[in-house]
Amino acid sequence: MRHHNSVFRDLLDNLPWAVLDRLVTVHRADHRVRSLTTRHQLVALLYGQFSGAASLREIEGGLESHAARLYHVGGRTVSRSTFADAHAERPIYAAVSAANINDITAAHAMPVEAGATYVFDLGYYDYGW
């Protein structure tokens, strides 16, 4: 029987893994990491995004159900507690929009709190906001 890659594998094949590996090395992102590497964390997060998972527990369960095939996409199963520890003090809000939608549209919809730090990938021209 002929082998067919999964859609998830095809999506992951489009990522610049060499760039990720270089950045992980430069920033020592995996220094002292015992079980959940940056690559495995990214694969798990992308799985959660593409599968529509609403919680870390859903991501954990979904990855566990595909444990035999995760090797082929460069992933692995992850326990919820390890995943939660890896995401302590991480962004609490993120928005990804289509390329033809101005980023300020998503920024207006996001909750803004005094004293919080916000990071955007493009500069905004709405200085009054």
Protein backbone atom coordinates (compact mmCIF):
# COMPACT_ATOMS: atom_id res chain seq x y z
CA MET A 1 0.00 0.00 0.00
CA ARG A 2 1.32 3.42 -0.95
CA HIS A 3 2.10 5.84 1.89
CA HIS A 4 0.26 9.17 2.06
CA ASN A 5 1.35 12.01 4.35
CA SER A 6 -1.28 13.51 6.58
CA VAL A 7 -2.53 17.03 5.97
CA PHE A 8 -0.86 18.04 9.22
CA ARG A 9 2.47 16.70 7.94
CA ASP A 10 2.03 18.62 4.70
CA LEU A 11 1.41 21.81 6.70
CA LEU A 12 4.47 21.24 8.87
CA ASP A 13 6.62 20.63 5.79
CA ASN A 14 6.08 24.29 4.87
CA LEU A 15 7.67 25.60 8.06
CA PRO A 16 11.29 26.82 7.96
CA TRP A 17 12.65 24.27 10.43
CA ALA A 18 16.25 25.28 9.80
CA VAL A 19 15.42 28.83 10.90
CA LEU A 20 13.71 27.51 14.04
CA ASP A 21 16.70 25.31 14.86
CA ARG A 22 19.09 28.25 14.37
CA LEU A 23 17.01 30.53 16.60
CA VAL A 24 16.73 27.85 19.29
CA THR A 25 20.52 27.51 19.25
CA VAL A 26 21.20 31.26 19.23
CA HIS A 27 18.77 31.99 22.07
CA ARG A 28 19.51 28.75 23.94
CA ALA A 29 15.78 28.06 24.09
CA ASP A 30 16.31 24.37 24.81
CA HIS A 31 19.00 24.92 27.45
CA ARG A 32 18.14 22.79 30.50
CA VAL A 33 15.04 21.42 28.77
CA ARG A 34 14.52 17.83 29.83
CA SER A 35 11.49 16.65 27.93
CA LEU A 36 9.56 19.26 25.93
CA THR A 37 11.83 20.82 23.32
CA THR A 38 10.91 23.96 21.44
CA ARG A 39 10.22 21.93 18.31
CA HIS A 40 7.92 19.51 20.14
CA GLN A 41 6.14 22.42 21.80
CA LEU A 42 5.58 24.13 18.44
CA VAL A 43 4.24 20.94 16.88
CA ALA A 44 1.87 20.48 19.83
CA LEU A 45 0.67 24.08 19.64
CA LEU A 46 0.10 23.85 15.89
CA TYR A 47 -1.78 20.59 16.37
CA GLY A 48 -3.96 22.31 18.95
CA GLN A 49 -4.61 25.25 16.62
CA PHE A 50 -5.42 23.14 13.56
CA SER A 51 -7.54 20.66 15.50
CA GLY A 52 -9.54 23.39 17.23
CA ALA A 53 -8.51 22.29 20.72
CA ALA A 54 -9.78 24.59 23.45
CA SER A 55 -7.46 23.52 26.25
CA LEU A 56 -4.12 21.94 27.04
CA ARG A 57 -5.98 18.81 28.10
CA GLU A 58 -7.57 18.57 24.64
CA ILE A 59 -4.17 18.96 22.98
CA GLU A 60 -2.74 16.28 25.27
CA GLY A 61 -5.59 13.89 24.48
CA GLY A 62 -5.41 14.52 20.76
CA LEU A 63 -1.67 13.98 20.63
CA GLU A 64 -2.04 10.82 22.70
CA SER A 65 -4.61 9.46 20.23
CA HIS A 66 -2.06 9.92 17.42
CA ALA A 67 0.98 8.75 19.40
CA ALA A 68 2.04 6.13 16.85
CA ARG A 69 2.15 8.71 14.04
CA LEU A 70 3.71 11.68 15.85
CA TYR A 71 7.22 10.53 15.08
CA HIS A 72 6.57 11.11 11.38
CA VAL A 73 5.70 14.78 11.94
CA GLY A 74 8.52 15.47 14.39
CA GLY A 75 6.27 15.54 17.44
CA ARG A 76 5.67 13.52 20.57
CA THR A 77 3.05 13.11 23.23
CA VAL A 78 3.21 15.59 26.07
CA SER A 79 1.72 15.54 29.54
CA ARG A 80 -0.61 18.37 30.45
CA SER A 81 1.47 19.37 33.48
CA THR A 82 4.69 19.64 31.43
CA PHE A 83 2.82 21.59 28.76
CA ALA A 84 1.37 23.93 31.39
CA ASP A 85 4.80 24.48 32.95
CA ALA A 86 6.25 25.33 29.55
CA HIS A 87 3.55 27.97 29.06
CA ALA A 88 3.80 29.69 32.45
CA GLU A 89 3.99 33.50 32.01
CA ARG A 90 3.32 33.29 28.30
CA PRO A 91 1.01 35.45 26.17
CA ILE A 92 -2.59 35.25 27.20
CA TYR A 93 -4.00 36.60 23.96
CA ALA A 94 -3.03 36.04 20.34
CA ALA A 95 -4.73 36.80 17.04
CA VAL A 96 -3.82 35.69 13.55
CA SER A 97 -5.60 37.32 10.64
CA ALA A 98 -5.53 37.07 6.88
CA ALA A 99 -2.87 39.06 5.05
CA ASN A 100 -5.45 41.40 3.56
CA ILE A 101 -6.82 42.45 6.96
CA ASN A 102 -5.10 45.38 8.64
CA ASP A 103 -3.57 44.47 12.00
CA ILE A 104 -5.22 47.43 13.68
CA THR A 105 -8.59 45.71 13.15
CA ALA A 106 -7.50 42.79 15.36
CA ALA A 107 -5.85 45.20 17.82
CA HIS A 108 -9.12 47.08 18.35
CA ALA A 109 -10.87 43.78 19.18
CA MET A 110 -8.30 42.61 21.74
CA PRO A 111 -8.65 43.28 25.48
CA VAL A 112 -6.29 46.02 26.64
CA GLU A 113 -5.08 46.15 30.24
CA ALA A 114 -3.10 48.91 31.91
CA GLY A 115 0.50 47.94 32.66
CA ALA A 116 0.53 44.98 30.24
CA THR A 117 3.03 44.61 27.39
CA TYR A 118 1.75 44.14 23.85
CA VAL A 119 3.81 42.92 20.89
CA PHE A 120 2.77 43.32 17.26
CA ASP A 121 4.45 42.16 14.10
CA LEU A 122 3.82 45.42 12.25
CA GLY A 123 3.97 49.07 13.25
CA TYR A 124 0.69 50.83 13.73
CA TYR A 125 -0.21 54.11 12.19
CA ASP A 126 -3.10 54.80 14.55
CA TYR A 127 -1.10 56.66 17.19
CA GLY A 128 -4.22 58.10 18.80
CA TRP A 129 -5.35 54.61 19.72
